[in-house]
Amino acid sequence: QPEDTAVYLCRTRIQDRDYWGQGTQ
């Protein structure tokens, strides 16, 4: 739905540290 419009990002947690992607629209 239109309300789902956003930048979608993935994240991983490795040894208690977060890493993020740049996102996809």
PDBML (XML) file of the C-alpha atoms, coordinates in Angstrom:
<?xml version="1.0" encoding="UTF-8" ?>
<PDBx:datablock datablockName="MODEL"
   xmlns:PDBx="http://pdbml.pdb.org/schema/pdbx-v50.xsd"
   xmlns:xsi="http://www.w3.org/2001/XMLSchema-instance"
   xsi:schemaLocation="http://pdbml.pdb.org/schema/pdbx-v50.xsd pdbx-v50.xsd">
   <PDBx:atom_siteCategory>
      <PDBx:atom_site id="1">
         <PDBx:B_iso_or_equiv>0.00</PDBx:B_iso_or_equiv>
         <PDBx:Cartn_x>0.000</PDBx:Cartn_x>
         <PDBx:Cartn_y>0.000</PDBx:Cartn_y>
         <PDBx:Cartn_z>0.000</PDBx:Cartn_z>
         <PDBx:auth_asym_id>A</PDBx:auth_asym_id>
         <PDBx:auth_atom_id>CA</PDBx:auth_atom_id>
         <PDBx:auth_comp_id>GLN</PDBx:auth_comp_id>
         <PDBx:auth_seq_id>1</PDBx:auth_seq_id>
         <PDBx:group_PDB>ATOM</PDBx:group_PDB>
         <PDBx:label_alt_id xsi:nil="true" />
         <PDBx:label_asym_id>A</PDBx:label_asym_id>
         <PDBx:label_atom_id>CA</PDBx:label_atom_id>
         <PDBx:label_comp_id>GLN</PDBx:label_comp_id>
         <PDBx:label_entity_id>1</PDBx:label_entity_id>
         <PDBx:label_seq_id>1</PDBx:label_seq_id>
         <PDBx:occupancy>1.00</PDBx:occupancy>
         <PDBx:pdbx_PDB_model_num>1</PDBx:pdbx_PDB_model_num>
         <PDBx:type_symbol>C</PDBx:type_symbol>
      </PDBx:atom_site>
      <PDBx:atom_site id="2">
         <PDBx:B_iso_or_equiv>0.00</PDBx:B_iso_or_equiv>
         <PDBx:Cartn_x>1.135</PDBx:Cartn_x>
         <PDBx:Cartn_y>3.618</PDBx:Cartn_y>
         <PDBx:Cartn_z>-0.375</PDBx:Cartn_z>
         <PDBx:auth_asym_id>A</PDBx:auth_asym_id>
         <PDBx:auth_atom_id>CA</PDBx:auth_atom_id>
         <PDBx:auth_comp_id>PRO</PDBx:auth_comp_id>
         <PDBx:auth_seq_id>2</PDBx:auth_seq_id>
         <PDBx:group_PDB>ATOM</PDBx:group_PDB>
         <PDBx:label_alt_id xsi:nil="true" />
         <PDBx:label_asym_id>A</PDBx:label_asym_id>
         <PDBx:label_atom_id>CA</PDBx:label_atom_id>
         <PDBx:label_comp_id>PRO</PDBx:label_comp_id>
         <PDBx:label_entity_id>1</PDBx:label_entity_id>
         <PDBx:label_seq_id>2</PDBx:label_seq_id>
         <PDBx:occupancy>1.00</PDBx:occupancy>
         <PDBx:pdbx_PDB_model_num>1</PDBx:pdbx_PDB_model_num>
         <PDBx:type_symbol>C</PDBx:type_symbol>
      </PDBx:atom_site>
      <PDBx:atom_site id="3">
         <PDBx:B_iso_or_equiv>0.00</PDBx:B_iso_or_equiv>
         <PDBx:Cartn_x>1.905</PDBx:Cartn_x>
         <PDBx:Cartn_y>3.738</PDBx:Cartn_y>
         <PDBx:Cartn_z>3.345</PDBx:Cartn_z>
         <PDBx:auth_asym_id>A</PDBx:auth_asym_id>
         <PDBx:auth_atom_id>CA</PDBx:auth_atom_id>
         <PDBx:auth_comp_id>GLU</PDBx:auth_comp_id>
         <PDBx:auth_seq_id>3</PDBx:auth_seq_id>
         <PDBx:group_PDB>ATOM</PDBx:group_PDB>
         <PDBx:label_alt_id xsi:nil="true" />
         <PDBx:label_asym_id>A</PDBx:label_asym_id>
         <PDBx:label_atom_id>CA</PDBx:label_atom_id>
         <PDBx:label_comp_id>GLU</PDBx:label_comp_id>
         <PDBx:label_entity_id>1</PDBx:label_entity_id>
         <PDBx:label_seq_id>3</PDBx:label_seq_id>
         <PDBx:occupancy>1.00</PDBx:occupancy>
         <PDBx:pdbx_PDB_model_num>1</PDBx:pdbx_PDB_model_num>
         <PDBx:type_symbol>C</PDBx:type_symbol>
      </PDBx:atom_site>
      <PDBx:atom_site id="4">
         <PDBx:B_iso_or_equiv>0.00</PDBx:B_iso_or_equiv>
         <PDBx:Cartn_x>4.593</PDBx:Cartn_x>
         <PDBx:Cartn_y>1.125</PDBx:Cartn_y>
         <PDBx:Cartn_z>2.701</PDBx:Cartn_z>
         <PDBx:auth_asym_id>A</PDBx:auth_asym_id>
         <PDBx:auth_atom_id>CA</PDBx:auth_atom_id>
         <PDBx:auth_comp_id>ASP</PDBx:auth_comp_id>
         <PDBx:auth_seq_id>4</PDBx:auth_seq_id>
         <PDBx:group_PDB>ATOM</PDBx:group_PDB>
         <PDBx:label_alt_id xsi:nil="true" />
         <PDBx:label_asym_id>A</PDBx:label_asym_id>
         <PDBx:label_atom_id>CA</PDBx:label_atom_id>
         <PDBx:label_comp_id>ASP</PDBx:label_comp_id>
         <PDBx:label_entity_id>1</PDBx:label_entity_id>
         <PDBx:label_seq_id>4</PDBx:label_seq_id>
         <PDBx:occupancy>1.00</PDBx:occupancy>
         <PDBx:pdbx_PDB_model_num>1</PDBx:pdbx_PDB_model_num>
         <PDBx:type_symbol>C</PDBx:type_symbol>
      </PDBx:atom_site>
      <PDBx:atom_site id="5">
         <PDBx:B_iso_or_equiv>0.00</PDBx:B_iso_or_equiv>
         <PDBx:Cartn_x>6.554</PDBx:Cartn_x>
         <PDBx:Cartn_y>3.624</PDBx:Cartn_y>
         <PDBx:Cartn_z>0.640</PDBx:Cartn_z>
         <PDBx:auth_asym_id>A</PDBx:auth_asym_id>
         <PDBx:auth_atom_id>CA</PDBx:auth_atom_id>
         <PDBx:auth_comp_id>THR</PDBx:auth_comp_id>
         <PDBx:auth_seq_id>5</PDBx:auth_seq_id>
         <PDBx:group_PDB>ATOM</PDBx:group_PDB>
         <PDBx:label_alt_id xsi:nil="true" />
         <PDBx:label_asym_id>A</PDBx:label_asym_id>
         <PDBx:label_atom_id>CA</PDBx:label_atom_id>
         <PDBx:label_comp_id>THR</PDBx:label_comp_id>
         <PDBx:label_entity_id>1</PDBx:label_entity_id>
         <PDBx:label_seq_id>5</PDBx:label_seq_id>
         <PDBx:occupancy>1.00</PDBx:occupancy>
         <PDBx:pdbx_PDB_model_num>1</PDBx:pdbx_PDB_model_num>
         <PDBx:type_symbol>C</PDBx:type_symbol>
      </PDBx:atom_site>
      <PDBx:atom_site id="6">
         <PDBx:B_iso_or_equiv>0.00</PDBx:B_iso_or_equiv>
         <PDBx:Cartn_x>9.941</PDBx:Cartn_x>
         <PDBx:Cartn_y>3.997</PDBx:Cartn_y>
         <PDBx:Cartn_z>2.311</PDBx:Cartn_z>
         <PDBx:auth_asym_id>A</PDBx:auth_asym_id>
         <PDBx:auth_atom_id>CA</PDBx:auth_atom_id>
         <PDBx:auth_comp_id>ALA</PDBx:auth_comp_id>
         <PDBx:auth_seq_id>6</PDBx:auth_seq_id>
         <PDBx:group_PDB>ATOM</PDBx:group_PDB>
         <PDBx:label_alt_id xsi:nil="true" />
         <PDBx:label_asym_id>A</PDBx:label_asym_id>
         <PDBx:label_atom_id>CA</PDBx:label_atom_id>
         <PDBx:label_comp_id>ALA</PDBx:label_comp_id>
         <PDBx:label_entity_id>1</PDBx:label_entity_id>
         <PDBx:label_seq_id>6</PDBx:label_seq_id>
         <PDBx:occupancy>1.00</PDBx:occupancy>
         <PDBx:pdbx_PDB_model_num>1</PDBx:pdbx_PDB_model_num>
         <PDBx:type_symbol>C</PDBx:type_symbol>
      </PDBx:atom_site>
      <PDBx:atom_site id="7">
         <PDBx:B_iso_or_equiv>0.00</PDBx:B_iso_or_equiv>
         <PDBx:Cartn_x>13.609</PDBx:Cartn_x>
         <PDBx:Cartn_y>3.225</PDBx:Cartn_y>
         <PDBx:Cartn_z>2.112</PDBx:Cartn_z>
         <PDBx:auth_asym_id>A</PDBx:auth_asym_id>
         <PDBx:auth_atom_id>CA</PDBx:auth_atom_id>
         <PDBx:auth_comp_id>VAL</PDBx:auth_comp_id>
         <PDBx:auth_seq_id>7</PDBx:auth_seq_id>
         <PDBx:group_PDB>ATOM</PDBx:group_PDB>
         <PDBx:label_alt_id xsi:nil="true" />
         <PDBx:label_asym_id>A</PDBx:label_asym_id>
         <PDBx:label_atom_id>CA</PDBx:label_atom_id>
         <PDBx:label_comp_id>VAL</PDBx:label_comp_id>
         <PDBx:label_entity_id>1</PDBx:label_entity_id>
         <PDBx:label_seq_id>7</PDBx:label_seq_id>
         <PDBx:occupancy>1.00</PDBx:occupancy>
         <PDBx:pdbx_PDB_model_num>1</PDBx:pdbx_PDB_model_num>
         <PDBx:type_symbol>C</PDBx:type_symbol>
      </PDBx:atom_site>
      <PDBx:atom_site id="8">
         <PDBx:B_iso_or_equiv>0.00</PDBx:B_iso_or_equiv>
         <PDBx:Cartn_x>14.077</PDBx:Cartn_x>
         <PDBx:Cartn_y>-0.356</PDBx:Cartn_y>
         <PDBx:Cartn_z>3.205</PDBx:Cartn_z>
         <PDBx:auth_asym_id>A</PDBx:auth_asym_id>
         <PDBx:auth_atom_id>CA</PDBx:auth_atom_id>
         <PDBx:auth_comp_id>TYR</PDBx:auth_comp_id>
         <PDBx:auth_seq_id>8</PDBx:auth_seq_id>
         <PDBx:group_PDB>ATOM</PDBx:group_PDB>
         <PDBx:label_alt_id xsi:nil="true" />
         <PDBx:label_asym_id>A</PDBx:label_asym_id>
         <PDBx:label_atom_id>CA</PDBx:label_atom_id>
         <PDBx:label_comp_id>TYR</PDBx:label_comp_id>
         <PDBx:label_entity_id>1</PDBx:label_entity_id>
         <PDBx:label_seq_id>8</PDBx:label_seq_id>
         <PDBx:occupancy>1.00</PDBx:occupancy>
         <PDBx:pdbx_PDB_model_num>1</PDBx:pdbx_PDB_model_num>
         <PDBx:type_symbol>C</PDBx:type_symbol>
      </PDBx:atom_site>
      <PDBx:atom_site id="9">
         <PDBx:B_iso_or_equiv>0.00</PDBx:B_iso_or_equiv>
         <PDBx:Cartn_x>17.270</PDBx:Cartn_x>
         <PDBx:Cartn_y>-1.250</PDBx:Cartn_y>
         <PDBx:Cartn_z>5.019</PDBx:Cartn_z>
         <PDBx:auth_asym_id>A</PDBx:auth_asym_id>
         <PDBx:auth_atom_id>CA</PDBx:auth_atom_id>
         <PDBx:auth_comp_id>LEU</PDBx:auth_comp_id>
         <PDBx:auth_seq_id>9</PDBx:auth_seq_id>
         <PDBx:group_PDB>ATOM</PDBx:group_PDB>
         <PDBx:label_alt_id xsi:nil="true" />
         <PDBx:label_asym_id>A</PDBx:label_asym_id>
         <PDBx:label_atom_id>CA</PDBx:label_atom_id>
         <PDBx:label_comp_id>LEU</PDBx:label_comp_id>
         <PDBx:label_entity_id>1</PDBx:label_entity_id>
         <PDBx:label_seq_id>9</PDBx:label_seq_id>
         <PDBx:occupancy>1.00</PDBx:occupancy>
         <PDBx:pdbx_PDB_model_num>1</PDBx:pdbx_PDB_model_num>
         <PDBx:type_symbol>C</PDBx:type_symbol>
      </PDBx:atom_site>
      <PDBx:atom_site id="10">
         <PDBx:B_iso_or_equiv>0.00</PDBx:B_iso_or_equiv>
         <PDBx:Cartn_x>18.828</PDBx:Cartn_x>
         <PDBx:Cartn_y>-4.417</PDBx:Cartn_y>
         <PDBx:Cartn_z>6.283</PDBx:Cartn_z>
         <PDBx:auth_asym_id>A</PDBx:auth_asym_id>
         <PDBx:auth_atom_id>CA</PDBx:auth_atom_id>
         <PDBx:auth_comp_id>CYS</PDBx:auth_comp_id>
         <PDBx:auth_seq_id>10</PDBx:auth_seq_id>
         <PDBx:group_PDB>ATOM</PDBx:group_PDB>
         <PDBx:label_alt_id xsi:nil="true" />
         <PDBx:label_asym_id>A</PDBx:label_asym_id>
         <PDBx:label_atom_id>CA</PDBx:label_atom_id>
         <PDBx:label_comp_id>CYS</PDBx:label_comp_id>
         <PDBx:label_entity_id>1</PDBx:label_entity_id>
         <PDBx:label_seq_id>10</PDBx:label_seq_id>
         <PDBx:occupancy>1.00</PDBx:occupancy>
         <PDBx:pdbx_PDB_model_num>1</PDBx:pdbx_PDB_model_num>
         <PDBx:type_symbol>C</PDBx:type_symbol>
      </PDBx:atom_site>
      <PDBx:atom_site id="11">
         <PDBx:B_iso_or_equiv>0.00</PDBx:B_iso_or_equiv>
         <PDBx:Cartn_x>20.924</PDBx:Cartn_x>
         <PDBx:Cartn_y>-4.742</PDBx:Cartn_y>
         <PDBx:Cartn_z>9.403</PDBx:Cartn_z>
         <PDBx:auth_asym_id>A</PDBx:auth_asym_id>
         <PDBx:auth_atom_id>CA</PDBx:auth_atom_id>
         <PDBx:auth_comp_id>ARG</PDBx:auth_comp_id>
         <PDBx:auth_seq_id>11</PDBx:auth_seq_id>
         <PDBx:group_PDB>ATOM</PDBx:group_PDB>
         <PDBx:label_alt_id xsi:nil="true" />
         <PDBx:label_asym_id>A</PDBx:label_asym_id>
         <PDBx:label_atom_id>CA</PDBx:label_atom_id>
         <PDBx:label_comp_id>ARG</PDBx:label_comp_id>
         <PDBx:label_entity_id>1</PDBx:label_entity_id>
         <PDBx:label_seq_id>11</PDBx:label_seq_id>
         <PDBx:occupancy>1.00</PDBx:occupancy>
         <PDBx:pdbx_PDB_model_num>1</PDBx:pdbx_PDB_model_num>
         <PDBx:type_symbol>C</PDBx:type_symbol>
      </PDBx:atom_site>
      <PDBx:atom_site id="12">
         <PDBx:B_iso_or_equiv>0.00</PDBx:B_iso_or_equiv>
         <PDBx:Cartn_x>23.090</PDBx:Cartn_x>
         <PDBx:Cartn_y>-7.387</PDBx:Cartn_y>
         <PDBx:Cartn_z>10.947</PDBx:Cartn_z>
         <PDBx:auth_asym_id>A</PDBx:auth_asym_id>
         <PDBx:auth_atom_id>CA</PDBx:auth_atom_id>
         <PDBx:auth_comp_id>THR</PDBx:auth_comp_id>
         <PDBx:auth_seq_id>12</PDBx:auth_seq_id>
         <PDBx:group_PDB>ATOM</PDBx:group_PDB>
         <PDBx:label_alt_id xsi:nil="true" />
         <PDBx:label_asym_id>A</PDBx:label_asym_id>
         <PDBx:label_atom_id>CA</PDBx:label_atom_id>
         <PDBx:label_comp_id>THR</PDBx:label_comp_id>
         <PDBx:label_entity_id>1</PDBx:label_entity_id>
         <PDBx:label_seq_id>12</PDBx:label_seq_id>
         <PDBx:occupancy>1.00</PDBx:occupancy>
         <PDBx:pdbx_PDB_model_num>1</PDBx:pdbx_PDB_model_num>
         <PDBx:type_symbol>C</PDBx:type_symbol>
      </PDBx:atom_site>
      <PDBx:atom_site id="13">
         <PDBx:B_iso_or_equiv>0.00</PDBx:B_iso_or_equiv>
         <PDBx:Cartn_x>24.439</PDBx:Cartn_x>
         <PDBx:Cartn_y>-7.733</PDBx:Cartn_y>
         <PDBx:Cartn_z>14.454</PDBx:Cartn_z>
         <PDBx:auth_asym_id>A</PDBx:auth_asym_id>
         <PDBx:auth_atom_id>CA</PDBx:auth_atom_id>
         <PDBx:auth_comp_id>ARG</PDBx:auth_comp_id>
         <PDBx:auth_seq_id>13</PDBx:auth_seq_id>
         <PDBx:group_PDB>ATOM</PDBx:group_PDB>
         <PDBx:label_alt_id xsi:nil="true" />
         <PDBx:label_asym_id>A</PDBx:label_asym_id>
         <PDBx:label_atom_id>CA</PDBx:label_atom_id>
         <PDBx:label_comp_id>ARG</PDBx:label_comp_id>
         <PDBx:label_entity_id>1</PDBx:label_entity_id>
         <PDBx:label_seq_id>13</PDBx:label_seq_id>
         <PDBx:occupancy>1.00</PDBx:occupancy>
         <PDBx:pdbx_PDB_model_num>1</PDBx:pdbx_PDB_model_num>
         <PDBx:type_symbol>C</PDBx:type_symbol>
      </PDBx:atom_site>
      <PDBx:atom_site id="14">
         <PDBx:B_iso_or_equiv>0.00</PDBx:B_iso_or_equiv>
         <PDBx:Cartn_x>27.894</PDBx:Cartn_x>
         <PDBx:Cartn_y>-9.204</PDBx:Cartn_y>
         <PDBx:Cartn_z>14.827</PDBx:Cartn_z>
         <PDBx:auth_asym_id>A</PDBx:auth_asym_id>
         <PDBx:auth_atom_id>CA</PDBx:auth_atom_id>
         <PDBx:auth_comp_id>ILE</PDBx:auth_comp_id>
         <PDBx:auth_seq_id>14</PDBx:auth_seq_id>
         <PDBx:group_PDB>ATOM</PDBx:group_PDB>
         <PDBx:label_alt_id xsi:nil="true" />
         <PDBx:label_asym_id>A</PDBx:label_asym_id>
         <PDBx:label_atom_id>CA</PDBx:label_atom_id>
         <PDBx:label_comp_id>ILE</PDBx:label_comp_id>
         <PDBx:label_entity_id>1</PDBx:label_entity_id>
         <PDBx:label_seq_id>14</PDBx:label_seq_id>
         <PDBx:occupancy>1.00</PDBx:occupancy>
         <PDBx:pdbx_PDB_model_num>1</PDBx:pdbx_PDB_model_num>
         <PDBx:type_symbol>C</PDBx:type_symbol>
      </PDBx:atom_site>
      <PDBx:atom_site id="15">
         <PDBx:B_iso_or_equiv>0.00</PDBx:B_iso_or_equiv>
         <PDBx:Cartn_x>29.611</PDBx:Cartn_x>
         <PDBx:Cartn_y>-9.365</PDBx:Cartn_y>
         <PDBx:Cartn_z>18.211</PDBx:Cartn_z>
         <PDBx:auth_asym_id>A</PDBx:auth_asym_id>
         <PDBx:auth_atom_id>CA</PDBx:auth_atom_id>
         <PDBx:auth_comp_id>GLN</PDBx:auth_comp_id>
         <PDBx:auth_seq_id>15</PDBx:auth_seq_id>
         <PDBx:group_PDB>ATOM</PDBx:group_PDB>
         <PDBx:label_alt_id xsi:nil="true" />
         <PDBx:label_asym_id>A</PDBx:label_asym_id>
         <PDBx:label_atom_id>CA</PDBx:label_atom_id>
         <PDBx:label_comp_id>GLN</PDBx:label_comp_id>
         <PDBx:label_entity_id>1</PDBx:label_entity_id>
         <PDBx:label_seq_id>15</PDBx:label_seq_id>
         <PDBx:occupancy>1.00</PDBx:occupancy>
         <PDBx:pdbx_PDB_model_num>1</PDBx:pdbx_PDB_model_num>
         <PDBx:type_symbol>C</PDBx:type_symbol>
      </PDBx:atom_site>
      <PDBx:atom_site id="16">
         <PDBx:B_iso_or_equiv>0.00</PDBx:B_iso_or_equiv>
         <PDBx:Cartn_x>27.191</PDBx:Cartn_x>
         <PDBx:Cartn_y>-6.825</PDBx:Cartn_y>
         <PDBx:Cartn_z>19.667</PDBx:Cartn_z>
         <PDBx:auth_asym_id>A</PDBx:auth_asym_id>
         <PDBx:auth_atom_id>CA</PDBx:auth_atom_id>
         <PDBx:auth_comp_id>ASP</PDBx:auth_comp_id>
         <PDBx:auth_seq_id>16</PDBx:auth_seq_id>
         <PDBx:group_PDB>ATOM</PDBx:group_PDB>
         <PDBx:label_alt_id xsi:nil="true" />
         <PDBx:label_asym_id>A</PDBx:label_asym_id>
         <PDBx:label_atom_id>CA</PDBx:label_atom_id>
         <PDBx:label_comp_id>ASP</PDBx:label_comp_id>
         <PDBx:label_entity_id>1</PDBx:label_entity_id>
         <PDBx:label_seq_id>16</PDBx:label_seq_id>
         <PDBx:occupancy>1.00</PDBx:occupancy>
         <PDBx:pdbx_PDB_model_num>1</PDBx:pdbx_PDB_model_num>
         <PDBx:type_symbol>C</PDBx:type_symbol>
      </PDBx:atom_site>
      <PDBx:atom_site id="17">
         <PDBx:B_iso_or_equiv>0.00</PDBx:B_iso_or_equiv>
         <PDBx:Cartn_x>27.800</PDBx:Cartn_x>
         <PDBx:Cartn_y>-4.308</PDBx:Cartn_y>
         <PDBx:Cartn_z>16.878</PDBx:Cartn_z>
         <PDBx:auth_asym_id>A</PDBx:auth_asym_id>
         <PDBx:auth_atom_id>CA</PDBx:auth_atom_id>
         <PDBx:auth_comp_id>ARG</PDBx:auth_comp_id>
         <PDBx:auth_seq_id>17</PDBx:auth_seq_id>
         <PDBx:group_PDB>ATOM</PDBx:group_PDB>
         <PDBx:label_alt_id xsi:nil="true" />
         <PDBx:label_asym_id>A</PDBx:label_asym_id>
         <PDBx:label_atom_id>CA</PDBx:label_atom_id>
         <PDBx:label_comp_id>ARG</PDBx:label_comp_id>
         <PDBx:label_entity_id>1</PDBx:label_entity_id>
         <PDBx:label_seq_id>17</PDBx:label_seq_id>
         <PDBx:occupancy>1.00</PDBx:occupancy>
         <PDBx:pdbx_PDB_model_num>1</PDBx:pdbx_PDB_model_num>
         <PDBx:type_symbol>C</PDBx:type_symbol>
      </PDBx:atom_site>
      <PDBx:atom_site id="18">
         <PDBx:B_iso_or_equiv>0.00</PDBx:B_iso_or_equiv>
         <PDBx:Cartn_x>25.254</PDBx:Cartn_x>
         <PDBx:Cartn_y>-3.264</PDBx:Cartn_y>
         <PDBx:Cartn_z>14.272</PDBx:Cartn_z>
         <PDBx:auth_asym_id>A</PDBx:auth_asym_id>
         <PDBx:auth_atom_id>CA</PDBx:auth_atom_id>
         <PDBx:auth_comp_id>ASP</PDBx:auth_comp_id>
         <PDBx:auth_seq_id>18</PDBx:auth_seq_id>
         <PDBx:group_PDB>ATOM</PDBx:group_PDB>
         <PDBx:label_alt_id xsi:nil="true" />
         <PDBx:label_asym_id>A</PDBx:label_asym_id>
         <PDBx:label_atom_id>CA</PDBx:label_atom_id>
         <PDBx:label_comp_id>ASP</PDBx:label_comp_id>
         <PDBx:label_entity_id>1</PDBx:label_entity_id>
         <PDBx:label_seq_id>18</PDBx:label_seq_id>
         <PDBx:occupancy>1.00</PDBx:occupancy>
         <PDBx:pdbx_PDB_model_num>1</PDBx:pdbx_PDB_model_num>
         <PDBx:type_symbol>C</PDBx:type_symbol>
      </PDBx:atom_site>
      <PDBx:atom_site id="19">
         <PDBx:B_iso_or_equiv>0.00</PDBx:B_iso_or_equiv>
         <PDBx:Cartn_x>25.997</PDBx:Cartn_x>
         <PDBx:Cartn_y>-2.908</PDBx:Cartn_y>
         <PDBx:Cartn_z>10.578</PDBx:Cartn_z>
         <PDBx:auth_asym_id>A</PDBx:auth_asym_id>
         <PDBx:auth_atom_id>CA</PDBx:auth_atom_id>
         <PDBx:auth_comp_id>TYR</PDBx:auth_comp_id>
         <PDBx:auth_seq_id>19</PDBx:auth_seq_id>
         <PDBx:group_PDB>ATOM</PDBx:group_PDB>
         <PDBx:label_alt_id xsi:nil="true" />
         <PDBx:label_asym_id>A</PDBx:label_asym_id>
         <PDBx:label_atom_id>CA</PDBx:label_atom_id>
         <PDBx:label_comp_id>TYR</PDBx:label_comp_id>
         <PDBx:label_entity_id>1</PDBx:label_entity_id>
         <PDBx:label_seq_id>19</PDBx:label_seq_id>
         <PDBx:occupancy>1.00</PDBx:occupancy>
         <PDBx:pdbx_PDB_model_num>1</PDBx:pdbx_PDB_model_num>
         <PDBx:type_symbol>C</PDBx:type_symbol>
      </PDBx:atom_site>
      <PDBx:atom_site id="20">
         <PDBx:B_iso_or_equiv>0.00</PDBx:B_iso_or_equiv>
         <PDBx:Cartn_x>23.568</PDBx:Cartn_x>
         <PDBx:Cartn_y>-1.240</PDBx:Cartn_y>
         <PDBx:Cartn_z>8.163</PDBx:Cartn_z>
         <PDBx:auth_asym_id>A</PDBx:auth_asym_id>
         <PDBx:auth_atom_id>CA</PDBx:auth_atom_id>
         <PDBx:auth_comp_id>TRP</PDBx:auth_comp_id>
         <PDBx:auth_seq_id>20</PDBx:auth_seq_id>
         <PDBx:group_PDB>ATOM</PDBx:group_PDB>
         <PDBx:label_alt_id xsi:nil="true" />
         <PDBx:label_asym_id>A</PDBx:label_asym_id>
         <PDBx:label_atom_id>CA</PDBx:label_atom_id>
         <PDBx:label_comp_id>TRP</PDBx:label_comp_id>
         <PDBx:label_entity_id>1</PDBx:label_entity_id>
         <PDBx:label_seq_id>20</PDBx:label_seq_id>
         <PDBx:occupancy>1.00</PDBx:occupancy>
         <PDBx:pdbx_PDB_model_num>1</PDBx:pdbx_PDB_model_num>
         <PDBx:type_symbol>C</PDBx:type_symbol>
      </PDBx:atom_site>
      <PDBx:atom_site id="21">
         <PDBx:B_iso_or_equiv>0.00</PDBx:B_iso_or_equiv>
         <PDBx:Cartn_x>23.080</PDBx:Cartn_x>
         <PDBx:Cartn_y>-1.226</PDBx:Cartn_y>
         <PDBx:Cartn_z>4.438</PDBx:Cartn_z>
         <PDBx:auth_asym_id>A</PDBx:auth_asym_id>
         <PDBx:auth_atom_id>CA</PDBx:auth_atom_id>
         <PDBx:auth_comp_id>GLY</PDBx:auth_comp_id>
         <PDBx:auth_seq_id>21</PDBx:auth_seq_id>
         <PDBx:group_PDB>ATOM</PDBx:group_PDB>
         <PDBx:label_alt_id xsi:nil="true" />
         <PDBx:label_asym_id>A</PDBx:label_asym_id>
         <PDBx:label_atom_id>CA</PDBx:label_atom_id>
         <PDBx:label_comp_id>GLY</PDBx:label_comp_id>
         <PDBx:label_entity_id>1</PDBx:label_entity_id>
         <PDBx:label_seq_id>21</PDBx:label_seq_id>
         <PDBx:occupancy>1.00</PDBx:occupancy>
         <PDBx:pdbx_PDB_model_num>1</PDBx:pdbx_PDB_model_num>
         <PDBx:type_symbol>C</PDBx:type_symbol>
      </PDBx:atom_site>
      <PDBx:atom_site id="22">
         <PDBx:B_iso_or_equiv>0.00</PDBx:B_iso_or_equiv>
         <PDBx:Cartn_x>22.432</PDBx:Cartn_x>
         <PDBx:Cartn_y>1.884</PDBx:Cartn_y>
         <PDBx:Cartn_z>2.372</PDBx:Cartn_z>
         <PDBx:auth_asym_id>A</PDBx:auth_asym_id>
         <PDBx:auth_atom_id>CA</PDBx:auth_atom_id>
         <PDBx:auth_comp_id>GLN</PDBx:auth_comp_id>
         <PDBx:auth_seq_id>22</PDBx:auth_seq_id>
         <PDBx:group_PDB>ATOM</PDBx:group_PDB>
         <PDBx:label_alt_id xsi:nil="true" />
         <PDBx:label_asym_id>A</PDBx:label_asym_id>
         <PDBx:label_atom_id>CA</PDBx:label_atom_id>
         <PDBx:label_comp_id>GLN</PDBx:label_comp_id>
         <PDBx:label_entity_id>1</PDBx:label_entity_id>
         <PDBx:label_seq_id>22</PDBx:label_seq_id>
         <PDBx:occupancy>1.00</PDBx:occupancy>
         <PDBx:pdbx_PDB_model_num>1</PDBx:pdbx_PDB_model_num>
         <PDBx:type_symbol>C</PDBx:type_symbol>
      </PDBx:atom_site>
      <PDBx:atom_site id="23">
         <PDBx:B_iso_or_equiv>0.00</PDBx:B_iso_or_equiv>
         <PDBx:Cartn_x>18.824</PDBx:Cartn_x>
         <PDBx:Cartn_y>0.991</PDBx:Cartn_y>
         <PDBx:Cartn_z>1.686</PDBx:Cartn_z>
         <PDBx:auth_asym_id>A</PDBx:auth_asym_id>
         <PDBx:auth_atom_id>CA</PDBx:auth_atom_id>
         <PDBx:auth_comp_id>GLY</PDBx:auth_comp_id>
         <PDBx:auth_seq_id>23</PDBx:auth_seq_id>
         <PDBx:group_PDB>ATOM</PDBx:group_PDB>
         <PDBx:label_alt_id xsi:nil="true" />
         <PDBx:label_asym_id>A</PDBx:label_asym_id>
         <PDBx:label_atom_id>CA</PDBx:label_atom_id>
         <PDBx:label_comp_id>GLY</PDBx:label_comp_id>
         <PDBx:label_entity_id>1</PDBx:label_entity_id>
         <PDBx:label_seq_id>23</PDBx:label_seq_id>
         <PDBx:occupancy>1.00</PDBx:occupancy>
         <PDBx:pdbx_PDB_model_num>1</PDBx:pdbx_PDB_model_num>
         <PDBx:type_symbol>C</PDBx:type_symbol>
      </PDBx:atom_site>
      <PDBx:atom_site id="24">
         <PDBx:B_iso_or_equiv>0.00</PDBx:B_iso_or_equiv>
         <PDBx:Cartn_x>16.648</PDBx:Cartn_x>
         <PDBx:Cartn_y>0.473</PDBx:Cartn_y>
         <PDBx:Cartn_z>-1.355</PDBx:Cartn_z>
         <PDBx:auth_asym_id>A</PDBx:auth_asym_id>
         <PDBx:auth_atom_id>CA</PDBx:auth_atom_id>
         <PDBx:auth_comp_id>THR</PDBx:auth_comp_id>
         <PDBx:auth_seq_id>24</PDBx:auth_seq_id>
         <PDBx:group_PDB>ATOM</PDBx:group_PDB>
         <PDBx:label_alt_id xsi:nil="true" />
         <PDBx:label_asym_id>A</PDBx:label_asym_id>
         <PDBx:label_atom_id>CA</PDBx:label_atom_id>
         <PDBx:label_comp_id>THR</PDBx:label_comp_id>
         <PDBx:label_entity_id>1</PDBx:label_entity_id>
         <PDBx:label_seq_id>24</PDBx:label_seq_id>
         <PDBx:occupancy>1.00</PDBx:occupancy>
         <PDBx:pdbx_PDB_model_num>1</PDBx:pdbx_PDB_model_num>
         <PDBx:type_symbol>C</PDBx:type_symbol>
      </PDBx:atom_site>
      <PDBx:atom_site id="25">
         <PDBx:B_iso_or_equiv>0.00</PDBx:B_iso_or_equiv>
         <PDBx:Cartn_x>13.678</PDBx:Cartn_x>
         <PDBx:Cartn_y>2.655</PDBx:Cartn_y>
         <PDBx:Cartn_z>-2.249</PDBx:Cartn_z>
         <PDBx:auth_asym_id>A</PDBx:auth_asym_id>
         <PDBx:auth_atom_id>CA</PDBx:auth_atom_id>
         <PDBx:auth_comp_id>GLN</PDBx:auth_comp_id>
         <PDBx:auth_seq_id>25</PDBx:auth_seq_id>
         <PDBx:group_PDB>ATOM</PDBx:group_PDB>
         <PDBx:label_alt_id xsi:nil="true" />
         <PDBx:label_asym_id>A</PDBx:label_asym_id>
         <PDBx:label_atom_id>CA</PDBx:label_atom_id>
         <PDBx:label_comp_id>GLN</PDBx:label_comp_id>
         <PDBx:label_entity_id>1</PDBx:label_entity_id>
         <PDBx:label_seq_id>25</PDBx:label_seq_id>
         <PDBx:occupancy>1.00</PDBx:occupancy>
         <PDBx:pdbx_PDB_model_num>1</PDBx:pdbx_PDB_model_num>
         <PDBx:type_symbol>C</PDBx:type_symbol>
      </PDBx:atom_site>
   </PDBx:atom_siteCategory>
</PDBx:datablock>
